[in-house]
Amino acid sequence: MKRWTTVLGRVGTVLIAISLALLLVSLIPQLQLSTAKGSMPIPPEQVQIAFNSQNLNPQQEVQVAVTVEGTLTVYLLEISIELQFANGTFDYGFNSTDLQEFLSEHPDRIIWEPEVENGDYKRSYTPTRVMNAAVVFYNPSSETAYVEYDIALESSLAPGDKVRTIVYFAAPIGLVLAIPWFLNVWKQRKQK
């Protein structure tokens, strides 16, 4: 029994040490790789691509902040190489019919699609694998919409939220495994 307590206690201390190291890594600030800022009117039933990222990976995060006057649907779409021209635009045109055709043929490529009406919208996305992504604005209304956008691509050493989730589970488990061993060591020192 004493051997198992020692083994589990050491495994627990290793889990605690790994958790602390991961927590420190997740606190390293992100590096801003690129930004796309601007404002534009989007006519009725028209589509605009505001950001097109090549080779987005799990250490990168896309942050989108949008202020809209009117009605606008903001899409983040996964775009594969076969769906692009060499210049980075879709094989599909910039009209609503082609966008709807793309969305119906590839519903699994829609990462998010909120409709924003006269307000602000902020969201970030960290992919789980290497991919290409595009931020697309679509005006479904019959009036011109005006949009101000700020899209940033940031890189980090490790995806902070995911690493912190691991820390939140591993540290308590390590503590539970290590406490009996620590108590046993403390009792042995007291007896000497």
N, C-alpha and C. Protein backbone atom coordinates (compact mmCIF):
# COMPACT_ATOMS: atom_id res chain seq x y z
N MET A 1 0.83 -1.19 0.00
CA MET A 1 0.00 0.00 0.00
C MET A 1 0.87 1.26 0.00
N LYS A 2 1.99 1.17 0.76
CA LYS A 2 2.87 2.33 0.85
C LYS A 2 3.50 2.66 -0.51
N ARG A 3 3.80 1.60 -1.27
CA ARG A 3 4.37 1.81 -2.59
C ARG A 3 3.40 2.52 -3.53
N TRP A 4 2.13 2.09 -3.50
CA TRP A 4 1.12 2.71 -4.34
C TRP A 4 0.90 4.18 -3.96
N THR A 5 0.94 4.46 -2.68
CA THR A 5 0.80 5.84 -2.23
C THR A 5 1.94 6.69 -2.79
N THR A 6 3.15 6.13 -2.76
CA THR A 6 4.31 6.86 -3.28
C THR A 6 4.19 7.07 -4.79
N VAL A 7 3.81 6.02 -5.51
CA VAL A 7 3.69 6.12 -6.97
C VAL A 7 2.60 7.13 -7.35
N LEU A 8 1.43 7.01 -6.73
CA LEU A 8 0.34 7.94 -7.04
C LEU A 8 0.68 9.37 -6.62
N GLY A 9 1.39 9.52 -5.52
CA GLY A 9 1.81 10.84 -5.08
C GLY A 9 2.77 11.49 -6.06
N ARG A 10 3.69 10.71 -6.58
CA ARG A 10 4.63 11.26 -7.56
C ARG A 10 3.93 11.58 -8.88
N VAL A 11 2.99 10.73 -9.29
CA VAL A 11 2.20 11.04 -10.49
C VAL A 11 1.42 12.33 -10.26
N GLY A 12 0.87 12.50 -9.08
CA GLY A 12 0.13 13.72 -8.75
C GLY A 12 1.01 14.95 -8.80
N THR A 13 2.24 14.86 -8.27
CA THR A 13 3.14 16.03 -8.31
C THR A 13 3.54 16.36 -9.75
N VAL A 14 3.70 15.33 -10.58
CA VAL A 14 4.00 15.58 -12.00
C VAL A 14 2.83 16.29 -12.67
N LEU A 15 1.59 15.85 -12.39
CA LEU A 15 0.41 16.51 -12.96
C LEU A 15 0.32 17.97 -12.50
N ILE A 16 0.64 18.23 -11.25
CA ILE A 16 0.62 19.60 -10.75
C ILE A 16 1.69 20.43 -11.46
N ALA A 17 2.88 19.89 -11.63
CA ALA A 17 3.96 20.63 -12.30
C ALA A 17 3.61 20.91 -13.76
N ILE A 18 3.06 19.92 -14.44
CA ILE A 18 2.66 20.11 -15.84
C ILE A 18 1.56 21.17 -15.93
N SER A 19 0.60 21.12 -15.00
CA SER A 19 -0.48 22.10 -14.99
C SER A 19 0.05 23.51 -14.81
N LEU A 20 0.99 23.70 -13.89
CA LEU A 20 1.56 25.03 -13.68
C LEU A 20 2.33 25.51 -14.91
N ALA A 21 3.06 24.60 -15.55
CA ALA A 21 3.80 24.98 -16.77
C ALA A 21 2.83 25.37 -17.88
N LEU A 22 1.77 24.60 -18.06
CA LEU A 22 0.78 24.93 -19.10
C LEU A 22 0.07 26.25 -18.79
N LEU A 23 -0.20 26.50 -17.52
CA LEU A 23 -0.82 27.76 -17.15
C LEU A 23 0.08 28.94 -17.49
N LEU A 24 1.37 28.81 -17.22
CA LEU A 24 2.31 29.87 -17.56
C LEU A 24 2.39 30.07 -19.08
N VAL A 25 2.39 28.99 -19.84
CA VAL A 25 2.45 29.09 -21.30
C VAL A 25 1.19 29.79 -21.83
N SER A 26 0.05 29.50 -21.24
CA SER A 26 -1.20 30.12 -21.72
C SER A 26 -1.27 31.61 -21.41
N LEU A 27 -0.45 32.08 -20.47
CA LEU A 27 -0.45 33.50 -20.11
C LEU A 27 0.48 34.35 -20.98
N ILE A 28 1.28 33.72 -21.83
CA ILE A 28 2.16 34.46 -22.74
C ILE A 28 1.27 35.22 -23.73
N PRO A 29 1.49 36.54 -23.89
CA PRO A 29 0.61 37.32 -24.77
C PRO A 29 0.68 36.87 -26.22
N GLN A 30 -0.42 37.13 -26.93
CA GLN A 30 -0.50 36.76 -28.34
C GLN A 30 0.24 37.77 -29.20
N LEU A 31 0.71 37.30 -30.34
CA LEU A 31 1.39 38.13 -31.33
C LEU A 31 0.41 38.43 -32.46
N GLN A 32 0.22 39.71 -32.77
CA GLN A 32 -0.70 40.07 -33.84
C GLN A 32 0.00 39.91 -35.18
N LEU A 33 -0.54 39.01 -36.02
CA LEU A 33 0.05 38.74 -37.32
C LEU A 33 -0.43 39.69 -38.40
N SER A 34 -1.73 39.94 -38.43
CA SER A 34 -2.27 40.85 -39.45
C SER A 34 -3.61 41.40 -38.98
N THR A 35 -3.98 42.51 -39.58
CA THR A 35 -5.29 43.10 -39.30
C THR A 35 -5.92 43.55 -40.60
N ALA A 36 -7.21 43.56 -40.60
CA ALA A 36 -7.97 44.12 -41.72
C ALA A 36 -9.01 45.04 -41.10
N LYS A 37 -8.84 46.34 -41.33
CA LYS A 37 -9.77 47.32 -40.79
C LYS A 37 -10.36 48.11 -41.95
N GLY A 38 -11.57 48.56 -41.75
CA GLY A 38 -12.16 49.40 -42.78
C GLY A 38 -13.64 49.59 -42.56
N SER A 39 -14.21 50.32 -43.47
CA SER A 39 -15.66 50.51 -43.47
C SER A 39 -16.10 50.56 -44.93
N MET A 40 -17.32 50.11 -45.16
CA MET A 40 -17.81 50.10 -46.53
C MET A 40 -19.33 49.97 -46.54
N PRO A 41 -19.94 50.50 -47.58
CA PRO A 41 -21.37 50.22 -47.76
C PRO A 41 -21.52 48.90 -48.52
N ILE A 42 -22.53 48.15 -48.16
CA ILE A 42 -22.83 46.91 -48.88
C ILE A 42 -24.24 47.03 -49.43
N PRO A 43 -24.37 47.11 -50.75
CA PRO A 43 -25.69 47.28 -51.38
C PRO A 43 -26.60 46.07 -51.10
N PRO A 44 -27.89 46.24 -51.31
CA PRO A 44 -28.83 45.13 -51.08
C PRO A 44 -28.46 43.88 -51.88
N GLU A 45 -28.62 42.74 -51.23
CA GLU A 45 -28.38 41.43 -51.85
C GLU A 45 -26.97 41.28 -52.41
N GLN A 46 -25.99 41.94 -51.78
CA GLN A 46 -24.60 41.84 -52.23
C GLN A 46 -23.73 41.19 -51.17
N VAL A 47 -22.59 40.68 -51.60
CA VAL A 47 -21.65 39.95 -50.75
C VAL A 47 -20.29 40.61 -50.87
N GLN A 48 -19.58 40.73 -49.74
CA GLN A 48 -18.20 41.22 -49.73
C GLN A 48 -17.34 40.30 -48.88
N ILE A 49 -16.16 39.99 -49.36
CA ILE A 49 -15.19 39.23 -48.57
C ILE A 49 -14.29 40.25 -47.89
N ALA A 50 -14.27 40.23 -46.55
CA ALA A 50 -13.48 41.22 -45.81
C ALA A 50 -12.13 40.67 -45.40
N PHE A 51 -12.00 39.35 -45.28
CA PHE A 51 -10.76 38.76 -44.79
C PHE A 51 -10.66 37.36 -45.35
N ASN A 52 -9.49 36.99 -45.86
CA ASN A 52 -9.26 35.66 -46.41
C ASN A 52 -7.91 35.18 -45.89
N SER A 53 -7.92 34.18 -45.03
CA SER A 53 -6.70 33.70 -44.39
C SER A 53 -6.21 32.42 -45.05
N GLN A 54 -4.94 32.38 -45.33
CA GLN A 54 -4.32 31.16 -45.85
C GLN A 54 -3.66 30.43 -44.69
N ASN A 55 -3.87 29.14 -44.58
CA ASN A 55 -3.21 28.28 -43.60
C ASN A 55 -3.38 28.75 -42.16
N LEU A 56 -4.61 28.88 -41.73
CA LEU A 56 -4.94 29.17 -40.34
C LEU A 56 -4.70 27.89 -39.55
N ASN A 57 -3.99 27.97 -38.42
CA ASN A 57 -3.68 26.77 -37.65
C ASN A 57 -4.14 26.90 -36.21
N PRO A 58 -4.09 25.82 -35.40
CA PRO A 58 -4.61 25.86 -34.04
C PRO A 58 -3.89 26.83 -33.09
N GLN A 59 -2.75 27.36 -33.48
CA GLN A 59 -2.10 28.36 -32.64
C GLN A 59 -2.50 29.78 -33.04
N GLN A 60 -3.40 29.91 -34.00
CA GLN A 60 -3.84 31.22 -34.44
C GLN A 60 -5.31 31.42 -34.10
N GLU A 61 -5.69 32.67 -33.93
CA GLU A 61 -7.05 33.01 -33.59
C GLU A 61 -7.50 34.17 -34.47
N VAL A 62 -8.69 34.06 -35.02
CA VAL A 62 -9.29 35.14 -35.79
C VAL A 62 -10.25 35.87 -34.87
N GLN A 63 -10.06 37.19 -34.72
CA GLN A 63 -10.95 38.00 -33.91
C GLN A 63 -11.68 38.97 -34.82
N VAL A 64 -13.00 38.95 -34.73
CA VAL A 64 -13.84 39.79 -35.59
C VAL A 64 -14.65 40.74 -34.72
N ALA A 65 -14.56 42.04 -35.03
CA ALA A 65 -15.39 43.06 -34.38
C ALA A 65 -16.06 43.86 -35.49
N VAL A 66 -17.39 43.93 -35.44
CA VAL A 66 -18.17 44.56 -36.52
C VAL A 66 -19.19 45.51 -35.91
N THR A 67 -19.32 46.69 -36.52
CA THR A 67 -20.40 47.62 -36.19
C THR A 67 -21.21 47.83 -37.46
N VAL A 68 -22.51 47.59 -37.37
CA VAL A 68 -23.37 47.58 -38.55
C VAL A 68 -24.49 48.61 -38.40
N GLU A 69 -24.72 49.35 -39.47
CA GLU A 69 -25.93 50.18 -39.61
C GLU A 69 -26.74 49.53 -40.72
N GLY A 70 -27.87 48.97 -40.36
CA GLY A 70 -28.67 48.20 -41.30
C GLY A 70 -28.68 46.75 -40.87
N THR A 71 -28.90 45.85 -41.81
CA THR A 71 -28.93 44.42 -41.53
C THR A 71 -27.83 43.74 -42.33
N LEU A 72 -27.06 42.90 -41.64
CA LEU A 72 -25.93 42.23 -42.28
C LEU A 72 -25.73 40.86 -41.66
N THR A 73 -25.45 39.87 -42.48
CA THR A 73 -25.08 38.55 -41.98
C THR A 73 -23.57 38.42 -42.12
N VAL A 74 -22.92 38.06 -41.00
CA VAL A 74 -21.46 37.92 -40.96
C VAL A 74 -21.16 36.43 -40.96
N TYR A 75 -20.48 35.97 -41.99
CA TYR A 75 -20.13 34.55 -42.09
C TYR A 75 -18.64 34.37 -41.83
N LEU A 76 -18.29 33.32 -41.11
CA LEU A 76 -16.93 32.82 -41.11
C LEU A 76 -17.02 31.46 -41.77
N LEU A 77 -16.35 31.33 -42.91
CA LEU A 77 -16.45 30.12 -43.72
C LEU A 77 -15.10 29.45 -43.84
N GLU A 78 -15.12 28.13 -43.78
CA GLU A 78 -13.91 27.36 -44.07
C GLU A 78 -13.84 27.20 -45.58
N ILE A 79 -12.74 27.65 -46.14
CA ILE A 79 -12.58 27.63 -47.59
C ILE A 79 -11.40 26.73 -47.93
N SER A 80 -11.65 25.71 -48.71
CA SER A 80 -10.55 24.83 -49.10
C SER A 80 -9.90 25.35 -50.37
N ILE A 81 -8.73 24.84 -50.67
CA ILE A 81 -7.95 25.28 -51.83
C ILE A 81 -8.72 25.09 -53.12
N GLU A 82 -9.45 23.99 -53.24
CA GLU A 82 -10.16 23.74 -54.50
C GLU A 82 -11.32 24.70 -54.72
N LEU A 83 -11.71 25.46 -53.70
CA LEU A 83 -12.79 26.42 -53.85
C LEU A 83 -12.27 27.83 -54.12
N GLN A 84 -10.99 27.97 -54.40
CA GLN A 84 -10.41 29.28 -54.59
C GLN A 84 -9.71 29.41 -55.94
N PHE A 85 -9.64 30.65 -56.43
CA PHE A 85 -8.78 30.97 -57.54
C PHE A 85 -7.39 31.24 -56.99
N ALA A 86 -6.43 31.44 -57.85
CA ALA A 86 -5.07 31.76 -57.41
C ALA A 86 -5.01 33.09 -56.67
N ASN A 87 -5.92 34.03 -57.00
CA ASN A 87 -5.89 35.33 -56.33
C ASN A 87 -6.60 35.32 -54.99
N GLY A 88 -7.12 34.20 -54.54
CA GLY A 88 -7.69 34.09 -53.21
C GLY A 88 -9.18 34.33 -53.11
N THR A 89 -9.87 34.55 -54.22
CA THR A 89 -11.31 34.75 -54.14
C THR A 89 -12.03 33.44 -54.43
N PHE A 90 -13.30 33.43 -54.09
CA PHE A 90 -14.09 32.22 -54.32
C PHE A 90 -14.28 31.94 -55.79
N ASP A 91 -14.48 30.64 -56.13
CA ASP A 91 -14.93 30.30 -57.47
C ASP A 91 -16.31 30.88 -57.68
N TYR A 92 -17.06 31.03 -56.57
CA TYR A 92 -18.38 31.61 -56.62
C TYR A 92 -18.24 33.13 -56.69
N GLY A 93 -19.18 33.78 -57.36
CA GLY A 93 -19.11 35.23 -57.53
C GLY A 93 -19.47 35.97 -56.27
N PHE A 94 -19.62 37.29 -56.40
CA PHE A 94 -19.89 38.15 -55.27
C PHE A 94 -21.37 38.50 -55.19
N ASN A 95 -22.25 37.63 -55.64
CA ASN A 95 -23.66 37.93 -55.50
C ASN A 95 -24.32 36.92 -54.57
N SER A 96 -25.54 37.25 -54.15
CA SER A 96 -26.21 36.44 -53.14
C SER A 96 -26.57 35.05 -53.65
N THR A 97 -26.87 34.92 -54.93
CA THR A 97 -27.23 33.61 -55.48
C THR A 97 -26.07 32.64 -55.36
N ASP A 98 -24.89 33.11 -55.73
CA ASP A 98 -23.72 32.24 -55.66
C ASP A 98 -23.34 31.91 -54.22
N LEU A 99 -23.51 32.88 -53.30
CA LEU A 99 -23.23 32.61 -51.89
C LEU A 99 -24.21 31.57 -51.37
N GLN A 100 -25.49 31.71 -51.67
CA GLN A 100 -26.48 30.75 -51.20
C GLN A 100 -26.21 29.37 -51.79
N GLU A 101 -25.76 29.32 -53.04
CA GLU A 101 -25.41 28.04 -53.66
C GLU A 101 -24.23 27.40 -52.92
N PHE A 102 -23.22 28.23 -52.59
CA PHE A 102 -22.07 27.72 -51.84
C PHE A 102 -22.50 27.19 -50.48
N LEU A 103 -23.36 27.96 -49.78
CA LEU A 103 -23.80 27.56 -48.45
C LEU A 103 -24.64 26.29 -48.48
N SER A 104 -25.46 26.13 -49.51
CA SER A 104 -26.29 24.92 -49.59
C SER A 104 -25.45 23.70 -50.00
N GLU A 105 -24.43 23.89 -50.83
CA GLU A 105 -23.58 22.78 -51.24
C GLU A 105 -22.58 22.37 -50.16
N HIS A 106 -22.19 23.33 -49.32
CA HIS A 106 -21.17 23.08 -48.29
C HIS A 106 -21.62 23.58 -46.92
N PRO A 107 -22.70 23.03 -46.35
CA PRO A 107 -23.15 23.52 -45.04
C PRO A 107 -22.15 23.23 -43.92
N ASP A 108 -21.30 22.24 -44.11
CA ASP A 108 -20.30 21.90 -43.11
C ASP A 108 -19.16 22.92 -43.06
N ARG A 109 -19.09 23.81 -44.04
CA ARG A 109 -18.03 24.83 -44.10
C ARG A 109 -18.41 26.11 -43.35
N ILE A 110 -19.64 26.20 -42.84
CA ILE A 110 -20.08 27.40 -42.12
C ILE A 110 -19.63 27.26 -40.66
N ILE A 111 -18.75 28.14 -40.23
CA ILE A 111 -18.29 28.12 -38.85
C ILE A 111 -19.25 28.94 -37.99
N TRP A 112 -19.63 30.12 -38.45
CA TRP A 112 -20.71 30.87 -37.81
C TRP A 112 -21.38 31.77 -38.84
N GLU A 113 -22.64 32.18 -38.53
CA GLU A 113 -23.40 33.03 -39.44
C GLU A 113 -24.43 33.87 -38.68
N PRO A 114 -24.00 34.77 -37.80
CA PRO A 114 -24.97 35.60 -37.09
C PRO A 114 -25.50 36.73 -37.97
N GLU A 115 -26.73 37.11 -37.73
CA GLU A 115 -27.30 38.27 -38.41
C GLU A 115 -27.23 39.43 -37.43
N VAL A 116 -26.62 40.54 -37.86
CA VAL A 116 -26.43 41.71 -37.01
C VAL A 116 -27.30 42.82 -37.58
N GLU A 117 -28.11 43.43 -36.70
CA GLU A 117 -28.97 44.52 -37.15
C GLU A 117 -28.74 45.74 -36.27
N ASN A 118 -28.22 46.80 -36.87
CA ASN A 118 -27.97 48.07 -36.18
C ASN A 118 -27.28 47.85 -34.83
N GLY A 119 -26.12 47.26 -34.85
CA GLY A 119 -25.42 47.01 -33.59
C GLY A 119 -24.00 46.55 -33.80
N ASP A 120 -23.43 46.09 -32.69
CA ASP A 120 -22.06 45.60 -32.67
C ASP A 120 -22.06 44.08 -32.55
N TYR A 121 -20.99 43.49 -33.05
CA TYR A 121 -20.81 42.04 -32.95
C TYR A 121 -19.33 41.76 -32.80
N LYS A 122 -18.99 40.95 -31.79
CA LYS A 122 -17.59 40.54 -31.58
C LYS A 122 -17.56 39.04 -31.37
N ARG A 123 -16.56 38.42 -31.98
CA ARG A 123 -16.40 36.98 -31.80
C ARG A 123 -14.99 36.60 -32.20
N SER A 124 -14.50 35.51 -31.64
CA SER A 124 -13.19 35.00 -32.02
C SER A 124 -13.31 33.51 -32.31
N TYR A 125 -12.37 33.01 -33.08
CA TYR A 125 -12.39 31.60 -33.48
C TYR A 125 -10.97 31.07 -33.54
N THR A 126 -10.75 29.94 -32.90
CA THR A 126 -9.48 29.22 -32.97
C THR A 126 -9.76 27.87 -33.61
N PRO A 127 -9.14 27.57 -34.75
CA PRO A 127 -9.43 26.30 -35.43
C PRO A 127 -8.82 25.11 -34.69
N THR A 128 -9.34 23.94 -35.00
CA THR A 128 -8.82 22.72 -34.40
C THR A 128 -7.84 22.00 -35.32
N ARG A 129 -7.72 22.49 -36.56
CA ARG A 129 -6.80 21.89 -37.52
C ARG A 129 -6.35 22.99 -38.51
N VAL A 130 -5.41 22.69 -39.37
CA VAL A 130 -4.95 23.65 -40.37
C VAL A 130 -6.05 23.81 -41.43
N MET A 131 -6.38 25.05 -41.73
CA MET A 131 -7.47 25.33 -42.66
C MET A 131 -7.33 26.73 -43.23
N ASN A 132 -8.11 27.05 -44.24
CA ASN A 132 -8.25 28.40 -44.78
C ASN A 132 -9.62 28.90 -44.36
N ALA A 133 -9.71 30.18 -44.01
CA ALA A 133 -10.99 30.74 -43.58
C ALA A 133 -11.19 32.11 -44.20
N ALA A 134 -12.45 32.49 -44.36
CA ALA A 134 -12.79 33.80 -44.91
C ALA A 134 -13.95 34.39 -44.11
N VAL A 135 -13.86 35.71 -43.87
CA VAL A 135 -14.96 36.45 -43.26
C VAL A 135 -15.72 37.11 -44.41
N VAL A 136 -17.01 36.81 -44.49
CA VAL A 136 -17.84 37.27 -45.59
C VAL A 136 -19.02 38.04 -45.02
N PHE A 137 -19.29 39.22 -45.61
CA PHE A 137 -20.46 40.02 -45.24
C PHE A 137 -21.51 39.87 -46.33
N TYR A 138 -22.75 39.65 -45.90
CA TYR A 138 -23.87 39.52 -46.84
C TYR A 138 -25.01 40.42 -46.37
N ASN A 139 -25.53 41.24 -47.26
CA ASN A 139 -26.65 42.11 -46.95
C ASN A 139 -27.93 41.47 -47.49
N PRO A 140 -28.76 40.86 -46.63
CA PRO A 140 -29.98 40.20 -47.11
C PRO A 140 -31.16 41.16 -47.28
N SER A 141 -31.00 42.41 -46.83
CA SER A 141 -32.14 43.34 -46.85
C SER A 141 -32.25 44.06 -48.19
N SER A 142 -33.25 44.91 -48.28
CA SER A 142 -33.46 45.69 -49.51
C SER A 142 -32.87 47.09 -49.40
N GLU A 143 -32.16 47.38 -48.31
CA GLU A 143 -31.53 48.68 -48.12
C GLU A 143 -30.02 48.49 -47.98
N THR A 144 -29.27 49.52 -48.32
CA THR A 144 -27.82 49.46 -48.19
C THR A 144 -27.43 49.42 -46.72
N ALA A 145 -26.52 48.55 -46.38
CA ALA A 145 -25.99 48.44 -45.01
C ALA A 145 -24.58 49.02 -44.98
N TYR A 146 -24.24 49.62 -43.87
CA TYR A 146 -22.90 50.19 -43.69
C TYR A 146 -22.21 49.40 -42.59
N VAL A 147 -20.99 49.01 -42.83
CA VAL A 147 -20.26 48.19 -41.87
C VAL A 147 -18.88 48.78 -41.60
N GLU A 148 -18.50 48.79 -40.33
CA GLU A 148 -17.14 49.07 -39.90
C GLU A 148 -16.62 47.77 -39.31
N TYR A 149 -15.46 47.33 -39.76
CA TYR A 149 -14.96 46.05 -39.27
C TYR A 149 -13.51 46.16 -38.86
N ASP A 150 -13.15 45.31 -37.92
CA ASP A 150 -11.78 45.18 -37.44
C ASP A 150 -11.54 43.68 -37.26
N ILE A 151 -10.76 43.11 -38.16
CA ILE A 151 -10.49 41.67 -38.13
C ILE A 151 -9.01 41.48 -37.88
N ALA A 152 -8.68 40.75 -36.83
CA ALA A 152 -7.27 40.55 -36.46
C ALA A 152 -6.95 39.06 -36.46
N LEU A 153 -5.77 38.74 -36.93
CA LEU A 153 -5.25 37.39 -36.87
C LEU A 153 -4.10 37.40 -35.88
N GLU A 154 -4.26 36.65 -34.79
CA GLU A 154 -3.26 36.62 -33.74
C GLU A 154 -2.73 35.21 -33.57
N SER A 155 -1.46 35.13 -33.17
CA SER A 155 -0.81 33.84 -32.97
C SER A 155 -0.36 33.73 -31.52
N SER A 156 -0.48 32.56 -30.97
CA SER A 156 -0.04 32.32 -29.59
C SER A 156 0.77 31.04 -29.54
N LEU A 157 1.53 30.90 -28.47
CA LEU A 157 2.34 29.71 -28.29
C LEU A 157 1.46 28.48 -28.13
N ALA A 158 0.34 28.66 -27.44
CA ALA A 158 -0.64 27.59 -27.25
C ALA A 158 -2.02 28.22 -27.18
N PRO A 159 -3.05 27.53 -27.64
CA PRO A 159 -4.39 28.09 -27.55
C PRO A 159 -4.80 28.22 -26.08
N GLY A 160 -4.89 29.45 -25.58
CA GLY A 160 -5.06 29.73 -24.16
C GLY A 160 -6.26 29.05 -23.52
N ASP A 161 -7.45 29.15 -24.12
CA ASP A 161 -8.64 28.58 -23.52
C ASP A 161 -8.56 27.06 -23.41
N LYS A 162 -8.04 26.43 -24.44
CA LYS A 162 -7.94 24.97 -24.43
C LYS A 162 -6.91 24.49 -23.40
N VAL A 163 -5.80 25.19 -23.32
CA VAL A 163 -4.76 24.81 -22.36
C VAL A 163 -5.26 25.02 -20.93
N ARG A 164 -5.96 26.14 -20.69
CA ARG A 164 -6.49 26.39 -19.34
C ARG A 164 -7.51 25.34 -18.94
N THR A 165 -8.29 24.83 -19.89
CA THR A 165 -9.24 23.76 -19.58
C THR A 165 -8.51 22.52 -19.10
N ILE A 166 -7.41 22.18 -19.74
CA ILE A 166 -6.59 21.04 -19.30
C ILE A 166 -6.06 21.28 -17.89
N VAL A 167 -5.61 22.52 -17.64
CA VAL A 167 -5.07 22.87 -16.32
C VAL A 167 -6.15 22.72 -15.25
N TYR A 168 -7.38 23.17 -15.55
CA TYR A 168 -8.46 23.12 -14.57
C TYR A 168 -8.81 21.69 -14.16
N PHE A 169 -8.56 20.72 -15.02
CA PHE A 169 -8.82 19.33 -14.68
C PHE A 169 -7.59 18.62 -14.10
N ALA A 170 -6.41 18.87 -14.68
CA ALA A 170 -5.21 18.14 -14.27
C ALA A 170 -4.71 18.56 -12.88
N ALA A 171 -4.76 19.84 -12.56
CA ALA A 171 -4.24 20.30 -11.26
C ALA A 171 -5.02 19.70 -10.08
N PRO A 172 -6.36 19.74 -10.07
CA PRO A 172 -7.06 19.12 -8.94
C PRO A 172 -6.84 17.61 -8.84
N ILE A 173 -6.78 16.94 -10.00
CA ILE A 173 -6.53 15.49 -9.97
C ILE A 173 -5.15 15.22 -9.39
N GLY A 174 -4.17 16.00 -9.81
CA GLY A 174 -2.82 15.86 -9.26
C GLY A 174 -2.78 16.12 -7.77
N LEU A 175 -3.53 17.12 -7.32
CA LEU A 175 -3.57 17.44 -5.90
C LEU A 175 -4.18 16.30 -5.09
N VAL A 176 -5.28 15.73 -5.60
CA VAL A 176 -5.93 14.61 -4.92
C VAL A 176 -4.99 13.41 -4.84
N LEU A 177 -4.23 13.16 -5.90
CA LEU A 177 -3.30 12.03 -5.90
C LEU A 177 -2.10 12.28 -4.98
N ALA A 178 -1.69 13.53 -4.86
CA ALA A 178 -0.47 13.84 -4.11
C ALA A 178 -0.70 14.02 -2.61
N ILE A 179 -1.88 14.38 -2.18
CA ILE A 179 -2.12 14.67 -0.76
C ILE A 179 -1.79 13.48 0.15
N PRO A 180 -2.25 12.24 -0.14
CA PRO A 180 -1.89 11.12 0.76
C PRO A 180 -0.37 10.92 0.87
N TRP A 181 0.32 11.09 -0.23
CA TRP A 181 1.78 10.93 -0.22
C TRP A 181 2.43 12.02 0.63
N PHE A 182 1.99 13.29 0.46
CA PHE A 182 2.52 14.39 1.26
C PHE A 182 2.27 14.16 2.76
N LEU A 183 1.07 13.69 3.10
CA LEU A 183 0.75 13.42 4.50
C LEU A 183 1.62 12.30 5.06
N ASN A 184 1.85 11.27 4.25
CA ASN A 184 2.70 10.16 4.67
C ASN A 184 4.14 10.62 4.91
N VAL A 185 4.68 11.43 4.03
CA VAL A 185 6.04 11.95 4.17
C VAL A 185 6.13 12.85 5.41
N TRP A 186 5.11 13.67 5.62
CA TRP A 186 5.10 14.57 6.77
C TRP A 186 5.05 13.80 8.08
N LYS A 187 4.25 12.72 8.15
CA LYS A 187 4.17 11.89 9.36
C LYS A 187 5.51 11.21 9.64
N GLN A 188 6.19 10.73 8.59
CA GLN A 188 7.48 10.06 8.77
C GLN A 188 8.52 11.05 9.28
N ARG A 189 8.51 12.28 8.84
CA ARG A 189 9.48 13.28 9.32
C ARG A 189 9.20 13.66 10.76
N LYS A 190 7.92 13.69 11.13
CA LYS A 190 7.55 14.04 12.49
C LYS A 190 8.00 12.96 13.47
N GLN A 191 7.97 11.70 13.03
CA GLN A 191 8.36 10.59 13.90
C GLN A 191 9.86 10.56 14.15
N LYS A 192 10.66 11.13 13.26
CA LYS A 192 12.12 11.10 13.41
C LYS A 192 12.58 12.07 14.41
